[in-house]
Protein backbone atom coordinates (compact mmCIF):
# COMPACT_ATOMS: atom_id res chain seq x y z
CA MET A 1 15.49 38.35 10.82
CA ALA A 2 13.55 40.27 13.40
CA GLU A 3 11.73 38.60 16.13
CA GLU A 4 8.34 40.36 14.85
CA ASP A 5 8.84 38.47 11.42
CA PRO A 6 8.53 35.10 11.97
CA VAL A 7 9.31 32.21 10.13
CA ASP A 8 7.06 29.24 8.85
CA ILE A 9 7.45 25.79 7.43
CA ALA A 10 6.17 24.24 4.21
CA GLN A 11 6.50 20.70 5.55
CA ILE A 12 7.06 18.89 8.23
CA SER A 13 6.87 15.03 9.28
CA PHE A 14 5.69 13.84 12.39
CA TYR A 15 5.70 10.41 14.65
CA LEU A 16 3.94 9.47 17.63
CA ALA A 17 5.36 7.80 20.30
CA LYS A 18 3.52 5.04 22.34
CA PRO A 19 1.96 6.37 25.80
CA GLN A 20 4.57 4.49 28.28
CA HIS A 21 7.61 6.34 26.27
CA THR A 22 9.29 9.85 26.90
CA PHE A 23 11.80 12.02 25.96
CA GLU A 24 14.69 9.54 26.93
CA THR A 25 13.55 6.40 25.62
CA VAL A 26 12.01 7.42 22.14
CA LEU A 27 16.01 8.17 20.15
CA SER A 28 17.96 4.74 19.70
CA THR A 29 20.76 6.56 22.10
CA GLU A 30 21.27 10.11 22.76
CA LYS A 31 25.10 9.17 22.56
CA ASP A 32 24.49 8.16 18.98
CA VAL A 33 23.20 12.01 18.23
CA ALA A 34 25.77 13.76 20.57
CA ALA A 35 28.66 12.13 18.66
CA HIS A 36 28.09 13.65 15.72
CA LYS A 37 29.34 16.76 14.63
CA ALA A 38 28.42 20.12 15.86
CA ALA A 39 25.65 18.31 18.01
CA GLN A 40 23.46 20.32 20.22
CA GLN A 41 20.73 20.02 22.66
CA PHE A 42 17.98 22.73 23.89
CA THR A 43 14.95 22.67 25.78
CA PHE A 44 11.95 25.41 25.06
CA ASP A 45 8.32 25.69 25.62
CA VAL A 46 5.62 26.56 22.65
CA GLU A 47 2.13 27.66 23.30
CA GLY A 48 2.53 25.65 26.72
CA VAL A 49 4.07 22.50 25.57
CA THR A 50 7.80 21.01 26.54
CA CYS A 51 10.03 20.94 23.44
CA ARG A 52 13.25 19.21 23.45
CA PHE A 53 15.28 19.51 19.80
CA TYR A 54 18.55 18.10 18.84
CA TYR A 55 20.54 19.47 16.26
CA PHE A 56 23.64 17.59 14.53
CA GLU A 57 25.61 17.54 11.11
CA THR A 58 26.41 14.46 9.14
CA VAL A 59 29.22 13.98 6.62
CA SER A 60 30.03 11.96 3.79
CA LYS A 61 32.60 11.76 1.35
CA ARG A 62 32.24 10.54 -2.25
CA SER A 63 35.04 9.45 -4.81
CA ASN A 64 34.73 8.58 -8.33
CA PRO A 65 31.14 6.91 -9.30
CA PRO A 66 31.69 3.36 -11.19
CA TRP A 67 30.52 5.15 -14.59
CA LEU A 68 34.02 7.31 -14.26
CA GLU A 69 36.11 4.50 -13.69
CA PHE A 70 34.68 2.83 -16.26
CA LEU A 71 35.38 5.82 -18.49
CA ASN A 72 39.06 6.31 -16.98
CA ASP A 73 40.16 2.96 -18.43
CA LYS A 74 40.01 4.29 -21.84
CA ILE A 75 41.95 7.82 -20.44
CA ALA A 76 45.78 7.87 -20.80
CA ALA A 77 47.00 7.39 -16.79
CA GLY A 78 48.30 11.49 -16.53
CA ASP A 79 45.22 12.42 -17.74
CA ARG A 80 42.40 10.29 -15.71
CA ILE A 81 39.61 12.07 -13.78
CA SER A 82 39.43 11.79 -9.72
CA PHE A 83 36.71 13.30 -8.02
CA ASN A 84 36.72 13.75 -4.39
CA ALA A 85 33.93 15.67 -2.70
CA ARG A 86 33.03 16.08 1.01
CA SER A 87 29.54 16.88 2.02
CA GLU A 88 27.77 17.90 4.93
CA SER A 89 24.20 18.14 6.15
CA PRO A 90 22.19 19.36 8.69
CA ASN A 91 19.71 17.05 10.83
CA GLY A 92 17.69 17.96 13.46
CA ILE A 93 14.86 16.04 15.90
CA LEU A 94 12.12 17.90 17.89
CA LEU A 95 10.42 16.69 20.43
CA MET A 96 7.27 17.82 21.74
CA LYS A 97 5.12 16.09 24.75
CA ILE A 98 1.17 16.98 24.03
CA GLU A 99 -1.27 15.72 26.13
CA GLU A 100 1.26 13.39 27.55
CA ARG A 101 2.05 11.70 24.50
CA VAL A 102 5.63 12.49 22.86
CA PHE A 103 5.42 13.58 19.38
CA ALA A 104 8.49 13.49 17.03
CA ALA A 105 9.21 15.73 14.36
CA THR A 106 12.72 14.70 11.85
CA PHE A 107 14.57 17.39 9.66
CA GLY A 108 17.22 16.22 7.52
CA ARG A 109 18.07 12.79 5.64
CA SER A 110 19.95 10.80 8.50
CA ALA A 111 17.67 12.15 11.47
CA SER A 112 14.93 9.53 11.14
CA SER A 113 17.55 6.71 11.72
CA HIS A 114 17.77 8.03 15.27
CA LEU A 115 14.65 7.21 16.21
CA GLU A 116 13.64 4.12 18.34
CA GLU A 117 11.22 2.47 15.72
CA ALA A 118 9.23 0.34 18.31
CA ALA A 119 9.08 3.22 20.77
CA PHE A 120 6.54 4.51 17.87
CA GLU A 121 3.03 3.80 17.23
CA PRO A 122 2.68 1.78 13.68
CA ASP A 123 0.38 3.02 11.28
CA PHE A 124 0.14 6.50 12.73
CA GLY A 125 0.65 8.22 9.26
CA ILE A 126 -1.47 6.53 7.28
CA LYS A 127 -4.59 6.30 9.90
CA THR A 128 -4.76 9.56 10.56
CA ALA A 129 -4.50 10.62 7.12
CA MET A 130 -7.28 8.05 6.16
CA ASN A 131 -9.37 9.65 8.71
CA LEU A 132 -9.02 13.20 8.48
CA CYS A 133 -8.62 13.33 4.61
CA GLY A 134 -11.50 10.83 3.66
CA ASN A 135 -11.60 8.87 0.47
CA GLU A 136 -12.40 11.11 -2.09
CA GLU A 137 -9.38 13.49 -2.57
CA VAL A 138 -6.85 11.20 -2.58
CA ARG A 139 -3.76 11.76 -4.62
CA GLN A 140 -1.13 8.84 -4.41
CA THR A 141 -1.25 5.57 -2.86
CA ARG A 142 1.26 2.63 -2.44
CA SER A 143 0.12 -1.20 -1.65
CA GLN A 144 1.47 -4.74 -1.47
CA SER A 145 -0.13 -7.49 -2.75
CA ASN A 146 0.60 -9.83 0.62
CA THR A 147 1.68 -12.74 -1.14
CA VAL A 148 4.64 -14.83 0.16
CA THR A 149 6.38 -13.03 -2.96
CA PRO A 150 4.95 -9.17 -1.94
CA THR A 151 4.41 -7.14 -5.27
CA GLN A 152 4.80 -3.31 -4.59
CA ILE A 153 1.55 -1.43 -6.38
CA ASP A 154 2.44 2.37 -6.98
CA ARG A 155 -0.90 4.26 -7.78
CA GLN A 156 -0.91 8.18 -8.74
CA VAL A 157 -3.51 10.54 -10.06
CA GLY A 158 -3.39 13.81 -12.04
CA LYS A 159 -5.74 15.59 -9.85
CA PRO A 160 -7.53 14.49 -6.45
CA SER A 161 -9.64 11.80 -6.85
CA ASP A 162 -11.77 8.74 -5.00
CA THR A 163 -10.32 5.73 -4.47
CA PHE A 164 -12.18 4.27 -6.86
CA THR A 165 -10.36 5.56 -9.56
CA PHE A 166 -7.36 3.88 -7.92
CA GLY A 167 -8.83 0.34 -8.59
CA LEU A 168 -7.58 -0.98 -5.00
CA SER A 169 -8.19 -4.88 -4.59
CA GLU A 170 -9.12 -6.45 -1.60
CA ALA A 171 -6.06 -8.70 -1.86
CA GLU A 172 -3.93 -5.28 -1.42
CA ASP A 173 -2.54 -4.30 1.89
CA LEU A 174 -2.55 -0.25 1.80
CA ARG A 175 0.82 0.79 2.74
CA TYR A 176 1.16 4.31 1.96
CA ILE A 177 -1.57 7.42 1.35
CA SER A 178 -1.35 10.93 0.11
CA ALA A 179 -4.75 13.22 0.12
CA ASN A 180 -5.87 16.32 0.60
CA ILE A 181 -7.27 17.18 4.27
CA LYS A 182 -11.12 17.31 4.15
CA GLY A 183 -12.44 21.38 3.79
CA ASP A 184 -8.63 22.17 2.66
CA LYS A 185 -7.30 21.65 -0.59
CA ASN A 186 -4.24 23.40 0.41
CA VAL A 187 -2.87 20.71 3.01
CA THR A 188 -1.89 17.42 2.24
CA LEU A 189 -1.37 14.32 4.55
CA GLN A 190 0.71 11.39 3.63
CA GLY A 191 2.91 8.59 4.97
CA ARG A 192 2.69 5.26 6.80
CA ASN A 193 4.06 4.96 10.36
CA ASN A 194 4.92 8.96 10.05
CA LEU A 195 2.67 11.56 9.27
CA THR A 196 3.99 14.22 6.51
CA VAL A 197 2.04 17.70 6.25
CA LYS A 198 2.63 19.61 3.06
CA VAL A 199 1.08 23.07 3.04
CA ILE A 200 0.61 25.28 0.01
CA GLY A 201 -0.44 29.06 -0.14
CA ARG A 202 -0.25 31.24 2.48
CA ASN A 203 -1.60 29.74 5.83
CA ARG A 204 2.04 27.91 6.77
CA LEU A 205 3.13 25.52 9.48
CA THR A 206 3.60 28.50 12.34
CA TRP A 207 4.32 27.31 15.88
CA PRO A 208 1.08 27.68 17.48
CA LEU A 209 -0.16 25.74 14.47
CA ILE A 210 1.85 22.82 14.49
CA VAL A 211 0.89 22.16 18.37
CA ALA A 212 -2.74 22.47 17.50
CA ARG A 213 -2.45 19.87 14.28
CA CYS A 214 -0.55 17.64 16.41
CA ARG A 215 -3.53 17.65 19.10
CA GLU A 216 -5.72 17.49 16.02
CA PHE A 217 -3.66 14.01 14.70
CA GLN A 218 -3.79 12.61 18.36
CA GLU A 219 -7.25 12.41 18.13
CA ALA A 220 -8.21 11.19 14.50
CA PHE A 221 -5.26 8.66 15.09
CA GLY A 222 -7.69 7.05 17.39
CA LYS A 223 -10.77 6.79 15.27
CA LYS A 224 -11.99 4.37 13.41
CA ASP A 225 -13.49 5.97 10.28
CA TYR A 226 -11.08 4.22 8.09
CA ALA A 227 -12.41 1.05 8.58
CA SER A 228 -15.28 2.20 6.15
CA LEU A 229 -13.42 4.36 4.05
CA PHE A 230 -10.70 2.08 3.00
CA PRO A 231 -12.29 -1.30 3.06
CA ASN A 232 -8.64 -2.94 1.90
CA TYR A 233 -7.39 -1.64 4.76
CA LYS A 234 -8.96 -3.27 7.48
CA ASN A 235 -8.21 -6.64 6.25
CA PHE A 236 -5.52 -6.84 8.39
CA GLY A 237 -4.85 -6.25 11.85
CA GLN A 238 -2.63 -6.36 15.08
CA ALA A 239 -2.02 -9.53 16.49
CA SER A 240 -2.18 -9.82 20.23
CA PRO A 241 1.05 -10.01 22.09
CA ALA A 242 0.86 -13.65 22.93
CA GLU A 243 0.13 -14.16 19.57
CA VAL A 244 2.87 -12.28 18.17
CA ALA A 245 5.01 -14.62 20.74
CA ALA A 246 3.24 -17.92 19.69
CA LEU A 247 4.18 -16.75 15.73
CA ASP A 248 7.91 -15.74 16.47
CA GLY A 249 7.99 -19.01 17.79
CA GLU A 250 6.81 -20.86 14.70
CA LEU A 251 9.03 -18.61 12.58
CA LEU A 252 12.33 -19.29 14.65
CA LYS A 253 11.70 -23.21 14.79
CA LEU A 254 11.94 -22.50 10.98
CA LEU A 255 14.96 -20.60 10.34
CA LYS A 256 16.61 -23.33 13.00
CA ALA A 257 15.82 -25.85 10.86
CA ARG A 258 16.77 -24.13 7.55
CA GLU A 259 12.96 -24.44 6.47
CA PHE A 260 13.29 -21.55 3.94
CA ASP A 261 10.32 -22.89 1.75
CA ARG A 262 7.81 -20.67 3.65
CA ILE A 263 9.51 -17.57 4.10
CA GLN A 264 10.46 -14.95 1.91
CA ILE A 265 12.75 -11.69 2.15
CA GLY A 266 12.46 -8.42 0.84
CA ILE A 267 12.83 -4.75 1.55
CA PRO A 268 9.44 -3.51 3.10
CA GLU A 269 9.45 -0.42 0.84
CA PHE A 270 9.82 -0.14 -2.84
CA VAL A 271 13.10 0.00 -3.40
CA SER A 272 14.46 -0.22 -7.35
CA GLU A 273 16.77 -3.29 -7.65
CA GLU A 274 18.21 -1.40 -10.93
CA SER A 275 19.79 0.91 -8.49
CA TYR A 276 20.29 -0.93 -5.20
CA SER A 277 21.70 -3.98 -3.77
CA PHE A 278 21.88 -5.08 -0.55
CA THR A 279 24.67 -6.17 2.24
CA TYR A 280 23.75 -7.42 5.90
CA SER A 281 26.84 -5.49 7.31
CA ASP A 282 28.33 -1.89 7.04
CA HIS A 283 31.97 -2.79 8.14
CA SER A 284 34.49 0.38 7.60
CA LYS A 285 37.62 -1.90 7.32
CA ARG A 286 36.54 -5.78 6.69
CA GLU A 287 35.02 -6.80 3.43
CA ASN A 288 31.09 -6.64 3.25
CA THR A 289 29.66 -9.26 0.81
CA ILE A 290 26.91 -7.42 -1.60
CA TYR A 291 23.90 -9.21 -3.04
CA SER A 292 22.15 -8.10 -6.09
CA PHE A 293 19.06 -9.82 -4.63
CA LEU A 294 17.87 -10.84 -1.43
CA ASP A 295 17.23 -14.66 -0.53
CA PRO A 296 16.43 -16.04 2.72
CA GLN A 297 19.33 -18.48 2.49
CA GLN A 298 21.35 -15.73 2.93
CA LEU A 299 20.50 -15.45 6.93
CA ASP A 300 22.25 -18.91 7.59
CA LYS A 301 25.46 -17.19 6.38
CA HIS A 302 24.94 -14.17 8.66
CA LEU A 303 23.02 -15.68 11.36
CA LYS A 304 23.89 -18.39 13.91
CA LEU A 305 20.70 -19.99 13.26
CA ASP A 306 20.93 -22.75 15.94
CA GLU A 307 20.70 -20.21 18.03
CA VAL A 308 18.77 -17.44 16.59
CA THR A 309 16.63 -15.10 18.69
CA ILE A 310 13.99 -12.62 17.45
CA GLU A 311 15.96 -10.14 19.44
CA GLN A 312 18.66 -10.74 17.28
CA LEU A 313 16.82 -10.56 13.64
CA ARG A 314 15.42 -7.07 15.03
CA GLY A 315 19.23 -6.16 15.79
CA LYS A 316 20.65 -7.29 12.50
CA ARG A 317 20.41 -4.84 9.54
CA ILE A 318 20.30 -4.95 5.70
CA PHE A 319 21.65 -1.95 3.88
CA ALA A 320 21.37 -0.68 0.81
CA TYR A 321 24.29 -0.22 -1.65
CA SER A 322 24.01 2.61 -4.24
CA HIS A 323 25.49 1.67 -7.74
CA GLU A 324 25.60 5.19 -8.69
CA GLU A 325 27.26 6.15 -5.58
CA ASP A 326 29.69 3.01 -5.24
CA ARG A 327 29.01 2.89 -1.62
CA ILE A 328 26.94 1.53 1.39
CA LEU A 329 24.12 4.07 2.65
CA SER A 330 24.60 3.79 6.05
CA TYR A 331 21.49 5.16 6.58
CA ARG A 332 19.08 3.59 4.34
CA ARG A 333 18.93 0.31 6.49
CA TRP A 334 16.00 -1.85 7.48
CA ARG A 335 16.00 -4.60 10.20
CA VAL A 336 15.70 -8.32 9.06
CA TYR A 337 13.02 -8.86 10.81
CA ASN A 338 11.12 -6.35 9.28
CA CYS A 339 12.38 -8.06 5.90
CA ILE A 340 10.73 -11.20 6.69
CA VAL A 341 7.62 -12.30 5.13
CA PHE A 342 5.58 -15.52 6.81
CA GLU A 343 2.57 -16.79 6.93
CA HIS A 344 0.78 -19.03 9.45
CA ARG A 345 -2.48 -19.99 11.59
CA ILE A 346 -3.22 -20.34 14.71
CA GLY A 347 -6.46 -22.33 15.29
CA GLU A 348 -9.07 -20.44 13.33
CA LYS A 349 -7.20 -17.36 12.88
CA TYR A 350 -4.37 -16.25 9.85
CA PHE A 351 -1.58 -14.12 9.81
CA VAL A 352 0.83 -12.82 8.09
CA LEU A 353 4.37 -11.38 9.23
CA SER A 354 4.99 -7.90 6.96
CA ASP A 355 7.02 -5.31 7.53
CA GLY A 356 8.12 -6.28 10.99
CA ARG A 357 4.37 -6.79 12.21
CA TRP A 358 2.46 -9.91 13.11
CA LEU A 359 -1.39 -9.04 11.17
CA GLU A 360 -4.37 -10.81 11.73
CA VAL A 361 -6.06 -11.36 8.34
CA ASP A 362 -10.30 -10.42 8.87
CA CYS A 363 -12.37 -13.11 9.70
CA ASP A 364 -14.80 -12.10 6.88
CA PHE A 365 -12.22 -11.68 4.40
CA TYR A 366 -10.76 -15.25 5.32
CA ALA A 367 -14.01 -16.30 5.22
CA SER A 368 -14.91 -15.20 1.46
CA ILE A 369 -11.70 -16.88 0.48
CA ILE A 370 -12.34 -20.59 2.01
CA LYS A 371 -15.79 -20.36 0.68
CA PHE A 372 -14.33 -19.53 -2.85
CA VAL A 373 -12.09 -22.72 -2.20
CA ALA A 374 -15.06 -25.07 -1.20
CA GLU A 375 -17.79 -24.25 -3.26
CA VAL A 376 -16.59 -22.62 -6.13
CA LEU A 377 -13.00 -23.25 -7.31
CA HIS A 378 -13.37 -26.53 -10.20
CA GLU A 379 -10.82 -29.43 -9.34
CA GLU A 380 -10.75 -32.15 -11.27
CA PRO A 381 -8.42 -35.51 -10.79
CA CYS A 382 -5.27 -35.83 -12.71
CA GLU A 383 -5.70 -37.85 -16.12
CA ASP A 384 -3.70 -40.92 -16.42
CA ALA A 385 -2.31 -40.50 -19.19
CA TYR A 386 0.39 -38.05 -17.68
CA VAL A 387 0.51 -39.54 -13.86
CA ASP A 388 4.28 -40.05 -12.82
CA ILE A 389 5.98 -38.20 -15.70
CA ASP A 390 9.73 -38.28 -14.93
CA VAL A 391 10.93 -34.29 -14.71
CA SER A 392 14.32 -35.24 -13.09
CA SER A 393 17.37 -34.16 -15.08
CA GLU A 394 20.83 -36.01 -14.11
CA GLU A 395 22.49 -33.58 -16.42
CA ASP A 396 21.86 -30.44 -14.56
CA LYS A 397 21.22 -32.09 -11.12
CA LYS A 398 17.36 -30.24 -11.16
CA ASN A 399 13.78 -31.17 -11.58
CA LYS A 400 12.56 -29.29 -14.20
CA GLU A 401 8.77 -28.36 -15.31
CA SER A 402 10.05 -28.15 -18.92
CA LEU A 403 10.19 -31.88 -18.78
CA PHE A 404 7.22 -32.70 -18.09
CA ASN A 405 5.57 -30.15 -20.92
CA GLN A 406 7.57 -31.91 -23.23
CA GLU A 407 6.76 -35.28 -22.09
CA VAL A 408 3.21 -34.46 -22.44
CA CYS A 409 3.12 -33.02 -25.86
CA LYS A 410 4.94 -36.65 -26.65
CA ARG A 411 2.21 -39.02 -25.55
CA ARG A 412 0.01 -36.49 -26.85
CA PRO A 413 1.36 -35.58 -30.28
CA SER A 414 -1.59 -33.57 -31.47
CA ALA A 415 -0.60 -31.06 -28.54
CA ILE A 416 1.22 -28.00 -29.19
CA LEU A 417 4.17 -26.62 -26.86
CA PHE A 418 4.02 -23.55 -26.12
CA ASP A 419 6.29 -23.32 -23.06
CA ARG A 420 9.23 -21.17 -23.97
CA ALA A 421 7.87 -19.98 -27.00
CA LYS A 422 8.92 -16.30 -26.56
CA LEU A 423 5.92 -14.43 -27.78
CA ARG A 424 5.32 -10.74 -27.79
CA ILE A 425 2.45 -8.52 -26.39
CA GLY A 426 2.09 -5.53 -28.33
CA SER A 427 5.75 -3.70 -28.46
CA GLY A 428 6.87 -5.58 -25.33
CA ARG A 429 9.52 -7.97 -25.47
CA ALA A 430 9.37 -11.48 -27.01
CA ASP A 431 9.75 -13.30 -23.77
CA LYS A 432 5.98 -14.15 -23.15
CA GLU A 433 4.78 -17.92 -23.55
CA PHE A 434 0.77 -17.71 -23.52
CA CYS A 435 0.95 -21.01 -21.63
CA ASP A 436 2.77 -24.25 -21.22
CA ILE A 437 0.54 -26.62 -23.60
CA LEU A 438 -2.09 -25.65 -26.01
CA ASP A 439 -4.74 -28.86 -26.30
CA LEU A 440 -7.48 -29.29 -29.14
CA THR A 441 -9.44 -31.95 -27.14
CA ASP A 442 -11.17 -35.19 -28.74
CA LEU A 443 -14.32 -33.36 -27.96
CA GLY A 444 -13.16 -30.50 -29.99
CA ARG A 445 -12.73 -27.60 -27.49
CA ILE A 446 -9.31 -26.14 -26.79
CA ARG A 447 -7.67 -25.98 -23.42
CA ILE A 448 -5.25 -23.56 -22.58
CA ILE A 449 -2.88 -25.39 -19.89
CA HIS A 450 -0.36 -24.07 -17.56
CA CYS A 451 1.85 -25.79 -15.46
CA LYS A 452 4.01 -24.92 -12.50
CA PRO A 453 5.69 -27.25 -9.81
CA TYR A 454 3.58 -27.40 -6.34
CA LYS A 455 6.11 -26.34 -3.73
CA ASP A 456 5.31 -22.87 -2.06
CA SER A 457 3.41 -19.74 -2.52
CA SER A 458 5.78 -17.86 -4.71
CA SER A 459 5.61 -20.71 -7.25
CA THR A 460 1.88 -20.94 -7.06
CA ASN A 461 1.15 -16.80 -6.93
CA TYR A 462 3.27 -17.09 -10.13
CA LEU A 463 0.99 -19.66 -11.72
CA PHE A 464 -2.34 -17.47 -11.02
CA ALA A 465 -0.37 -14.78 -12.55
CA GLN A 466 0.81 -16.23 -15.47
CA ALA A 467 -2.83 -17.40 -16.65
CA ASN A 468 -4.34 -14.37 -15.25
CA LEU A 469 -1.91 -12.07 -17.84
CA TYR A 470 -1.83 -14.49 -20.95
CA SER A 471 -5.56 -15.45 -20.69
CA THR A 472 -6.17 -11.54 -20.82
CA ALA A 473 -3.80 -10.69 -23.24
CA PHE A 474 -4.58 -13.45 -25.88
CA LEU A 475 -8.24 -11.55 -25.89
CA GLN A 476 -7.33 -7.96 -26.08
CA ASP A 477 -3.96 -8.03 -27.83
CA GLN A 478 -3.92 -8.32 -31.50
CA ILE A 479 -0.56 -8.55 -32.05
CA PHE A 480 -0.11 -11.06 -29.03
CA LEU A 481 -2.88 -12.99 -30.74
CA GLU A 482 -0.75 -13.11 -34.20
CA GLU A 483 2.22 -14.22 -32.69
CA ILE A 484 0.42 -17.50 -31.09
CA ARG A 485 -1.01 -18.08 -34.69
CA ARG A 486 2.15 -17.78 -35.69
CA HIS A 487 3.84 -20.59 -33.15
CA VAL A 488 0.87 -22.43 -33.97
CA GLY A 489 1.55 -22.43 -37.49
CA ALA A 490 5.42 -23.26 -36.81
CA ALA A 491 4.09 -26.44 -34.81
CA ALA A 492 4.85 -29.99 -35.94
CA SER A 493 1.08 -31.09 -34.57
CA PRO A 494 -0.80 -33.08 -37.19
CA ARG A 495 -4.32 -30.74 -36.16
CA LYS A 496 -2.36 -27.61 -36.38
CA ALA A 497 -4.80 -26.55 -39.22
CA GLU A 498 -7.70 -27.68 -36.95
CA TYR A 499 -6.12 -25.03 -34.16
CA LEU A 500 -5.86 -22.07 -36.82
CA ALA A 501 -9.44 -22.41 -38.02
CA TYR A 502 -10.26 -22.48 -34.20
CA ILE A 503 -8.43 -19.48 -33.26
CA LYS A 504 -9.64 -16.88 -35.51
CA GLY A 505 -7.13 -14.10 -36.80
CA HIS A 506 -8.61 -10.87 -34.81
CA ILE A 507 -9.29 -10.50 -31.23
CA ALA A 508 -13.02 -8.99 -32.08
CA GLU A 509 -13.78 -13.17 -33.47
CA LEU A 510 -12.57 -14.61 -30.24
CA ASN A 511 -14.90 -15.92 -27.71
CA ALA A 512 -13.47 -16.56 -24.23
CA ALA A 513 -16.42 -19.15 -23.59
CA ASP A 514 -15.03 -21.63 -26.39
CA TYR A 515 -11.64 -22.13 -24.14
CA ASP A 516 -10.94 -23.83 -20.70
CA ILE A 517 -8.45 -22.45 -18.40
CA CYS A 518 -6.43 -25.25 -16.78
CA LEU A 519 -3.87 -25.19 -13.93
CA TRP A 520 -1.52 -27.86 -13.22
CA LEU A 521 -0.02 -28.13 -9.88
CA LEU A 522 2.89 -30.92 -10.46
CA PHE A 523 3.81 -32.38 -6.67
CA ASP A 524 6.26 -34.93 -5.71
CA ARG A 525 4.49 -38.50 -6.03
CA LEU A 526 6.19 -40.10 -3.22
CA LYS A 527 3.98 -37.57 -1.02
CA PRO A 528 0.25 -37.11 -0.42
CA LYS A 529 -1.60 -35.76 -3.02
CA PRO A 530 -2.31 -32.24 -1.86
CA ASP A 531 -5.42 -30.61 -1.18
CA ARG A 532 -6.64 -27.30 -2.81
CA GLY A 533 -7.38 -26.30 0.80
CA ASP A 534 -3.82 -26.97 1.08
CA ILE A 535 -2.76 -23.64 -0.95
CA PRO A 536 -1.70 -20.90 1.34
CA LEU A 537 -4.75 -18.38 1.97
CA MET A 538 -3.01 -15.29 0.24
CA ALA A 539 -2.37 -17.84 -3.00
CA MET A 540 -5.84 -18.60 -2.65
CA TYR A 541 -7.09 -15.00 -2.83
CA GLU A 542 -4.73 -14.33 -5.78
CA LEU A 543 -6.52 -17.38 -7.49
CA LYS A 544 -9.89 -15.81 -6.61
CA LEU A 545 -8.90 -13.07 -8.15
CA MET A 546 -7.81 -14.31 -11.26
CA HIS A 547 -10.65 -16.95 -11.90
CA ASP A 548 -13.51 -13.83 -10.88
CA HIS A 549 -11.69 -11.80 -13.75
CA LEU A 550 -11.02 -14.53 -16.57
CA ARG A 551 -14.40 -16.10 -15.38
CA ASN A 552 -16.79 -13.39 -14.39
CA ILE A 553 -15.78 -10.73 -16.65
CA LEU A 554 -13.79 -12.35 -19.61
CA LYS A 555 -16.11 -15.33 -19.24
CA PHE A 556 -14.10 -18.20 -20.22
CA LYS A 557 -15.93 -21.33 -20.07
CA ASP A 558 -14.38 -22.58 -17.04
CA ILE A 559 -11.17 -22.91 -14.89
CA ILE A 560 -10.15 -25.82 -13.74
CA VAL A 561 -6.98 -27.00 -11.25
CA ARG A 562 -5.74 -30.37 -11.10
CA PHE A 563 -2.74 -31.72 -9.07
CA VAL A 564 -0.23 -33.92 -11.03
CA PRO A 565 1.90 -36.34 -9.46
CA VAL A 566 5.39 -36.52 -11.12
CA ALA A 567 8.92 -38.14 -10.19
CA LYS A 568 11.39 -35.86 -8.35
CA VAL A 569 15.07 -36.63 -7.69
CA GLN A 570 16.26 -34.93 -4.51
CA PHE A 571 19.54 -33.88 -6.16
CA THR A 572 22.32 -32.79 -3.36
CA THR A 573 25.57 -31.16 -4.01
CA SER A 574 28.57 -29.81 -2.18
CA LYS A 575 29.81 -26.57 -3.14
CA LYS A 576 30.57 -23.21 -1.66
CA PRO A 577 27.72 -20.27 -1.24
CA THR A 578 27.47 -18.46 -4.60
CA VAL A 579 27.91 -14.64 -3.55
CA LYS A 580 26.46 -12.19 -6.19
CA ALA A 581 28.04 -9.40 -6.26
CA ALA A 582 26.61 -5.67 -7.02
């Protein structure tokens, strides 16, 4: 191409290094880059800016995927299909020093894995995009519910809309945004830690424009406009270095003691479990253990927890295993530390470890939750009739919630057991329950009872989510209502005719104010009764959201929490860890 015919580009992704870093410190190691095929390094100036460019090529070999081996099993040995391919792909890392700060731009699918993650500003992409785009021309968001069991939530609209359309919840941590830049619908900014610029139309990214944009991005990153534009984002701020050290110390104590109940582990981005499994190693000759899902207890097998350090948690990687390609994807990897989710309080401050960052929960956000629990949440004592029910199963060597539900219905024959009822909502699968126990009280009101062991935030959150989902569907889904009435009609309760007369046959005839929602949290009778303030903070907020929805919007009569003591047994068995292969 002639020199007077310059090339422009429609898309490029940028990272911004922290102030102290240089060209030499932003790569994981230059030797790794130089070891690749056709590795080259170039230095040049653009618009008075010094640039360094690394080029390298990666090679991958592919053989028969599992589906082809499956079909080969039915093909004669001499005719079986053998697939072999070798693919090569180009990669590039462009470093630019602008206003004494290093920007990195990556090209190709493997280039970003060679950047030193700790050298770059966290949330550079999302903060810059929020400040430059505002909240009126948003295309896509990705958020995470910050419970101990994280929930990834993706939202996308057909045309750019304001954030009200997206229905973002205050309980969600905004993780990603894609939006049009203010005043220019042809330019889209998107990302989280990195910032991807996409341009449509004629005015694409030329070298002078790239340099100008980087200066604009650096200035925008330092602004705080996003705090008012995206209220759900400001609920979480960075912990100080001293707080991080103290919080990391608490995490290490739990790991060394093998106390995994307060720890959750999961990939810090959306990864489909239908397509991928996971492994803690990428050995080329030795066997790699593949897990269909992640569990914190796996850390005991892959790390020496008695002497584990934060540096080791950051150095150890989790790799994605692709079922389609039947191989470990070396370029899809995450630090173990970034995959751990953990909550802890220091003094009056509350922190969440998420994606390798300790986030301080906004004080107003925190205060609103505590106020709800103290002043709004309705707690009542456990009823004497259901105290100390034995939930231990000697046969299964487990403590089972189902034993509690069954015993309650034995002690109160008029109650109806819905635990494991297998009902349908809409055209979905018949795997819903509605509740655990439905009880027509002696005062002639129906209470919808949900039970769950009080053991960790994950279990508690599931109880709140379950109550919210089923109670909403009860009022809004005709098929679900018919399934509930069918189950009542088949029950052994001597009062089932009264239930059916109470629960009308069409959703238009239902009145939420005729029902109470009861949340029963089962705790070990040998331990002190928990206080409602002991519920983990983010689980409290899930409860607040559920309460506000069911009580204030759907108008159920009351939401009542009870802590119920039960008899439990600490079963201990000795067996080798079960490895769940992909």
